[in-house]
């Protein structure tokens, strides 16, 4: 069987070597498509692939339909909204992610952004400290739990809201479980956002919700672009000169935000959460192992469709 690694932005060499070892030890063939510049290259490469490992590459219905032998797609990372799940399901293709492999990297970035924000983007003026601040974690999954772990070291007061995570799971970590998203935003100086982009969550972080946050509040978003109501965010920041927004997902209105809110808004040029050597290696090798386990043993543990 042929396993294709299709990455417009390639894995590090050490990750590719680890993937190759997992694939070839299992008796499968590894094919690489790296730094491709046209969709046709991807369509040609998938035509005889039994499995695909991707990063942020777009796998839509056209790609899935071109891959006649395809059995499984694994997105090396937590998010999988770059894969057309409906088309994959219709074609009988299993889709997986690799939850947890990038979690520490994303959580550390949260605090890199927060320190930058509370120190006024290092502009030479006096800032504040994270110690003693109230931190609300919106979604208590793998990343949220790592954020809580790190926040304890900063001496922060930590609470979390997750509609799908039992209260006892949150509170066993010494984190206060809240009963509503409104309570989370109203009761914290800082909210760290970790919800996925779903029909339910898209544009859910809106002007009304943000308006519940106290004076001097900060929102840090290392989740997904689509969950922010960008027009509402811009309008809110026009009205609330005390509010800061920092993110590693550049919004569509980035130019306007930068011009209007210098010193209160910051976005990295590209999504940076998983951009560490360790996360790169972990996610890639995990993807390879999951494919082997699926093809050999039928294990669908991390299936998302």
Protein backbone atom coordinates (compact mmCIF):
# COMPACT_ATOMS: atom_id res chain seq x y z
CA UNK A 1 0.00 0.00 0.00
CA UNK A 2 1.08 3.54 -0.74
CA UNK A 3 1.06 6.28 1.89
CA UNK A 4 1.40 9.82 0.58
CA UNK A 5 2.73 12.71 2.65
CA UNK A 6 1.30 15.79 0.93
CA UNK A 7 2.61 18.95 2.56
CA UNK A 8 2.74 22.34 0.90
CA UNK A 9 4.71 23.36 4.00
CA UNK A 10 6.93 20.32 4.61
CA UNK A 11 7.63 18.53 7.85
CA UNK A 12 11.14 18.86 9.25
CA UNK A 13 13.55 16.24 7.93
CA UNK A 14 13.69 14.47 11.30
CA UNK A 15 9.88 14.17 11.20
CA UNK A 16 9.94 12.77 7.65
CA UNK A 17 12.60 10.27 8.69
CA UNK A 18 10.40 9.17 11.60
CA UNK A 19 7.35 8.87 9.32
CA UNK A 20 9.35 6.85 6.82
CA UNK A 21 10.52 4.46 9.52
CA UNK A 22 6.96 3.84 10.74
CA UNK A 23 5.60 3.33 7.22
CA UNK A 24 8.38 1.20 5.78
CA UNK A 25 8.76 -0.95 8.90
CA UNK A 26 5.10 -1.89 8.41
CA UNK A 27 5.88 -2.93 4.81
CA UNK A 28 4.18 0.02 3.13
CA UNK A 29 5.51 2.45 0.50
CA UNK A 30 6.07 6.11 1.34
CA UNK A 31 5.61 8.85 -1.26
CA UNK A 32 6.42 12.53 -0.67
CA UNK A 33 4.81 15.58 -2.25
CA UNK A 34 6.45 18.61 -0.64
CA UNK A 35 6.29 22.32 -1.44
CA UNK A 36 3.79 21.75 -4.27
CA UNK A 37 2.54 24.91 -5.92
CA UNK A 38 -0.50 23.77 -7.92
CA UNK A 39 -3.55 21.70 -7.06
CA UNK A 40 -2.96 19.51 -10.12
CA UNK A 41 0.23 18.23 -8.50
CA UNK A 42 -1.81 17.09 -5.51
CA UNK A 43 -4.50 15.53 -7.72
CA UNK A 44 -1.87 13.59 -9.65
CA UNK A 45 -0.13 12.43 -6.48
CA UNK A 46 -3.25 11.10 -4.75
CA UNK A 47 -4.52 9.02 -7.67
CA UNK A 48 -3.00 5.75 -6.38
CA UNK A 49 -2.57 6.58 -2.67
CA UNK A 50 -4.17 4.34 -0.04
CA UNK A 51 -3.55 6.88 2.72
CA UNK A 52 -2.62 10.57 3.00
CA UNK A 53 -0.86 12.52 5.72
CA UNK A 54 -1.39 16.29 5.53
CA UNK A 55 -0.84 19.41 7.59
CA UNK A 56 -2.92 22.48 6.65
CA UNK A 57 -3.35 21.27 3.09
CA UNK A 58 -6.86 21.46 1.62
CA UNK A 59 -8.43 18.08 0.93
CA UNK A 60 -11.74 18.84 -0.77
CA UNK A 61 -14.21 16.69 -2.71
CA UNK A 62 -12.18 17.01 -5.92
CA UNK A 63 -9.07 15.61 -4.23
CA UNK A 64 -10.99 12.81 -2.53
CA UNK A 65 -12.73 11.82 -5.76
CA UNK A 66 -9.39 11.71 -7.57
CA UNK A 67 -7.99 9.28 -4.99
CA UNK A 68 -9.74 6.09 -6.04
CA UNK A 69 -7.78 3.81 -3.68
CA UNK A 70 -7.96 6.14 -0.68
CA UNK A 71 -8.89 4.61 2.67
CA UNK A 72 -7.71 7.13 5.26
CA UNK A 73 -6.63 10.77 5.63
CA UNK A 74 -4.77 11.89 8.73
CA UNK A 75 -4.35 15.57 9.51
CA UNK A 76 -1.15 15.95 11.54
CA UNK A 77 -2.54 18.34 14.12
CA UNK A 78 -5.71 18.95 16.11
CA UNK A 79 -7.83 20.96 13.66
CA UNK A 80 -9.32 19.24 10.61
CA UNK A 81 -11.55 21.87 9.02
CA UNK A 82 -9.28 21.77 5.95
CA UNK A 83 -10.75 18.34 5.08
CA UNK A 84 -14.20 17.92 3.50
CA UNK A 85 -15.61 15.42 5.98
CA UNK A 86 -18.87 14.99 4.11
CA UNK A 87 -17.09 14.08 0.87
CA UNK A 88 -14.76 11.73 2.74
CA UNK A 89 -17.65 9.95 4.43
CA UNK A 90 -19.51 9.63 1.13
CA UNK A 91 -16.41 8.03 -0.40
CA UNK A 92 -15.95 5.65 2.53
CA UNK A 93 -12.73 7.36 3.62
CA UNK A 94 -11.77 7.57 7.32
CA UNK A 95 -10.51 10.97 8.51
CA UNK A 96 -8.41 11.34 11.66
CA UNK A 97 -6.53 14.07 13.47
CA UNK A 98 -3.66 13.69 15.95
CA UNK A 99 -5.03 15.32 19.13
CA UNK A 100 -2.59 16.31 21.83
CA UNK A 101 0.58 16.28 19.75
CA UNK A 102 0.71 20.08 19.34
CA UNK A 103 -0.93 20.94 22.65
CA UNK A 104 2.09 22.09 24.63
CA UNK A 105 3.40 24.14 21.71
CA UNK A 106 0.08 26.00 21.39
CA UNK A 107 -0.18 26.51 25.15
CA UNK A 108 3.31 27.99 25.35
CA UNK A 109 2.44 30.38 22.51
CA UNK A 110 -0.59 31.56 24.51
CA UNK A 111 1.74 32.82 27.22
CA UNK A 112 4.19 34.29 24.75
CA UNK A 113 1.33 36.37 23.37
CA UNK A 114 0.02 37.24 26.83
CA UNK A 115 3.34 38.44 28.21
CA UNK A 116 3.75 40.54 25.05
CA UNK A 117 0.27 42.01 25.59
CA UNK A 118 0.51 42.80 29.31
CA UNK A 119 3.92 44.44 28.76
CA UNK A 120 2.34 46.79 26.19
CA UNK A 121 3.99 45.06 23.25
CA UNK A 122 7.41 45.99 24.65
CA UNK A 123 6.96 49.68 23.78
CA UNK A 124 9.00 50.88 26.75
CA UNK A 125 6.08 51.81 29.01
CA UNK A 126 5.10 50.16 32.28
CA UNK A 127 2.86 47.14 31.86
CA UNK A 128 1.29 44.69 34.26
CA UNK A 129 1.97 41.14 35.43
CA UNK A 130 0.10 37.89 34.88
CA UNK A 131 0.43 36.88 38.52
CA UNK A 132 -2.91 37.24 40.29
CA UNK A 133 -4.84 37.81 37.06
CA UNK A 134 -8.03 35.83 36.46
CA UNK A 135 -7.63 33.51 33.47
CA UNK A 136 -10.63 31.91 31.79
CA UNK A 137 -10.05 28.95 29.48
CA UNK A 138 -12.72 28.57 26.79
CA UNK A 139 -12.74 24.81 26.01
CA UNK A 140 -10.87 22.43 28.28
CA UNK A 141 -9.33 20.00 25.82
CA UNK A 142 -5.69 19.05 25.37
CA UNK A 143 -4.54 22.64 24.78
CA UNK A 144 -6.75 24.10 27.51
CA UNK A 145 -5.32 21.67 30.05
CA UNK A 146 -1.77 22.63 29.14
CA UNK A 147 -2.71 26.31 29.42
CA UNK A 148 -4.01 25.63 32.94
CA UNK A 149 -0.80 23.80 33.87
CA UNK A 150 1.38 26.70 32.73
CA UNK A 151 -0.91 29.33 34.26
CA UNK A 152 -0.39 27.78 37.69
CA UNK A 153 3.29 28.59 37.38
CA UNK A 154 2.42 32.24 36.74
CA UNK A 155 0.26 32.30 39.89
CA UNK A 156 -2.98 33.02 38.04
CA UNK A 157 -6.54 32.34 39.20
CA UNK A 158 -7.87 29.79 36.70
CA UNK A 159 -11.37 28.88 35.62
CA UNK A 160 -12.73 27.11 32.55
CA UNK A 161 -15.91 26.54 30.61
CA UNK A 162 -16.45 23.56 28.33
CA UNK A 163 -19.95 22.45 27.39
CA UNK A 164 -18.74 18.90 26.75
CA UNK A 165 -16.22 18.37 29.54
CA UNK A 166 -17.54 17.10 32.89
CA UNK A 167 -17.12 19.44 35.87
CA UNK A 168 -15.17 16.82 37.80
CA UNK A 169 -12.58 16.51 35.02
CA UNK A 170 -11.92 20.25 35.13
CA UNK A 171 -11.91 20.56 38.90
CA UNK A 172 -9.59 17.61 39.52
CA UNK A 173 -6.90 19.81 37.93
CA UNK A 174 -7.53 22.54 40.49
CA UNK A 175 -9.43 24.65 37.94
CA UNK A 176 -12.81 26.17 38.72
CA UNK A 177 -15.52 24.87 36.37
CA UNK A 178 -17.99 27.53 35.23
CA UNK A 179 -21.57 26.90 34.13
CA UNK A 180 -21.84 29.20 31.11
CA UNK A 181 -19.78 30.97 28.48
CA UNK A 182 -21.25 34.28 29.67
CA UNK A 183 -19.92 33.63 33.17
CA UNK A 184 -16.49 32.84 31.74
CA UNK A 185 -16.18 36.13 29.87
CA UNK A 186 -17.75 38.28 32.58
CA UNK A 187 -15.58 36.91 35.37
CA UNK A 188 -12.06 36.90 33.88
CA UNK A 189 -9.41 39.48 33.07
CA UNK A 190 -8.05 37.24 30.31
CA UNK A 191 -9.78 34.60 28.19
CA UNK A 192 -7.80 32.03 26.22
CA UNK A 193 -9.83 30.67 23.33
CA UNK A 194 -9.58 26.99 22.28
CA UNK A 195 -12.92 26.10 20.69
CA UNK A 196 -13.04 24.37 17.27
CA UNK A 197 -14.69 25.93 14.22
CA UNK A 198 -18.11 24.28 13.92
CA UNK A 199 -21.54 25.40 12.76
CA UNK A 200 -22.30 26.13 16.41
CA UNK A 201 -19.14 28.12 17.19
CA UNK A 202 -18.53 30.15 14.01
CA UNK A 203 -18.82 33.89 14.75
CA UNK A 204 -19.81 33.03 18.33
CA UNK A 205 -17.16 35.31 19.86
CA UNK A 206 -19.12 38.46 19.16
CA UNK A 207 -19.56 42.00 20.40
CA UNK A 208 -22.16 41.02 22.99
CA UNK A 209 -19.98 38.32 24.54
CA UNK A 210 -16.83 40.46 24.51
CA UNK A 211 -18.78 43.32 26.07
CA UNK A 212 -19.18 41.24 29.22
CA UNK A 213 -15.42 41.30 29.87
CA UNK A 214 -14.11 43.65 32.59
CA UNK A 215 -12.07 46.80 32.02
CA UNK A 216 -8.52 46.08 30.83
CA UNK A 217 -9.45 42.64 29.50
CA UNK A 218 -7.44 40.60 27.00
CA UNK A 219 -8.62 37.92 24.57
CA UNK A 220 -5.98 35.55 23.18
CA UNK A 221 -7.05 33.38 20.25
CA UNK A 222 -4.91 30.41 19.20
CA UNK A 223 -7.97 28.43 18.07
CA UNK A 224 -9.59 29.25 14.73
CA UNK A 225 -10.22 32.41 12.70
CA UNK A 226 -13.83 31.49 11.97
CA UNK A 227 -14.98 31.58 15.61
CA UNK A 228 -14.44 35.34 15.80
CA UNK A 229 -17.11 37.74 14.55
CA UNK A 230 -14.46 39.98 12.98
CA UNK A 231 -16.73 42.92 12.21
CA UNK A 232 -18.09 42.74 15.74
CA UNK A 233 -14.58 42.59 17.17
CA UNK A 234 -13.55 45.70 15.25
CA UNK A 235 -16.65 47.59 16.38
CA UNK A 236 -16.14 46.48 19.98
CA UNK A 237 -12.51 47.62 20.02
CA UNK A 238 -13.58 51.00 18.67
CA UNK A 239 -15.86 51.37 21.69
CA UNK A 240 -13.57 49.81 24.31
CA UNK A 241 -10.16 51.50 24.30
CA UNK A 242 -9.10 49.36 27.29
CA UNK A 243 -9.41 46.00 25.48
CA UNK A 244 -6.58 44.03 23.82
CA UNK A 245 -6.76 41.21 21.28
CA UNK A 246 -3.77 38.99 20.45
CA UNK A 247 -3.85 36.04 18.08
CA UNK A 248 -1.86 33.76 15.80
CA UNK A 249 -4.70 33.71 13.24
CA UNK A 250 -4.66 36.85 11.11
CA UNK A 251 -8.22 38.16 10.65
CA UNK A 252 -9.61 39.31 7.33
CA UNK A 253 -9.72 42.89 8.62
CA UNK A 254 -6.10 42.81 9.82
CA UNK A 255 -5.09 46.02 8.03
CA UNK A 256 -7.91 48.01 9.61
CA UNK A 257 -7.30 46.48 13.03
CA UNK A 258 -3.58 47.29 12.87
CA UNK A 259 -4.21 50.88 11.84
CA UNK A 260 -6.96 51.58 14.35
CA UNK A 261 -5.70 49.67 17.37
CA UNK A 262 -1.94 49.98 17.44
CA UNK A 263 -0.75 48.92 20.88
CA UNK A 264 -3.92 46.92 21.56
CA UNK A 265 -4.00 44.41 18.71
CA UNK A 266 -1.41 41.94 17.46
CA UNK A 267 -1.47 39.04 15.00
CA UNK A 268 1.36 36.83 13.84
CA UNK A 269 1.83 36.72 10.05
CA UNK A 270 0.94 33.01 9.95
CA UNK A 271 -0.64 30.51 12.33
CA UNK A 272 2.16 29.73 14.78
CA UNK A 273 0.66 27.47 17.44
CA UNK A 274 2.14 24.21 16.21
CA UNK A 275 5.29 25.72 14.72
CA UNK A 276 7.89 24.10 16.94
CA UNK A 277 10.34 21.37 16.07
CA UNK A 278 8.88 19.14 18.77
CA UNK A 279 5.26 19.53 17.65
CA UNK A 280 6.23 19.03 14.02
CA UNK A 281 7.92 15.73 14.82
CA UNK A 282 5.29 14.50 17.27
CA UNK A 283 2.30 15.14 14.99
CA UNK A 284 3.93 13.68 11.88
CA UNK A 285 5.01 10.46 13.54
CA UNK A 286 1.68 10.11 15.33
CA UNK A 287 -0.08 10.42 11.96
CA UNK A 288 2.07 7.65 10.50
CA UNK A 289 1.43 5.36 13.46
CA UNK A 290 -2.32 5.94 13.27
CA UNK A 291 -2.35 5.07 9.57
CA UNK A 292 -0.41 1.85 10.15
CA UNK A 293 -2.70 0.91 13.05
CA UNK A 294 -5.76 1.58 10.92
CA UNK A 295 -4.54 -0.34 7.87
CA UNK A 296 -3.19 -3.28 9.86
CA UNK A 297 -5.62 -3.50 12.78
CA UNK A 298 -8.63 -1.41 11.74
CA UNK A 299 -8.15 0.94 14.72
CA UNK A 300 -10.38 4.04 14.26
CA UNK A 301 -9.74 5.61 17.67
CA UNK A 302 -9.11 9.14 16.37
CA UNK A 303 -11.73 9.12 13.61
CA UNK A 304 -13.52 12.48 13.21
CA UNK A 305 -16.04 11.68 10.45
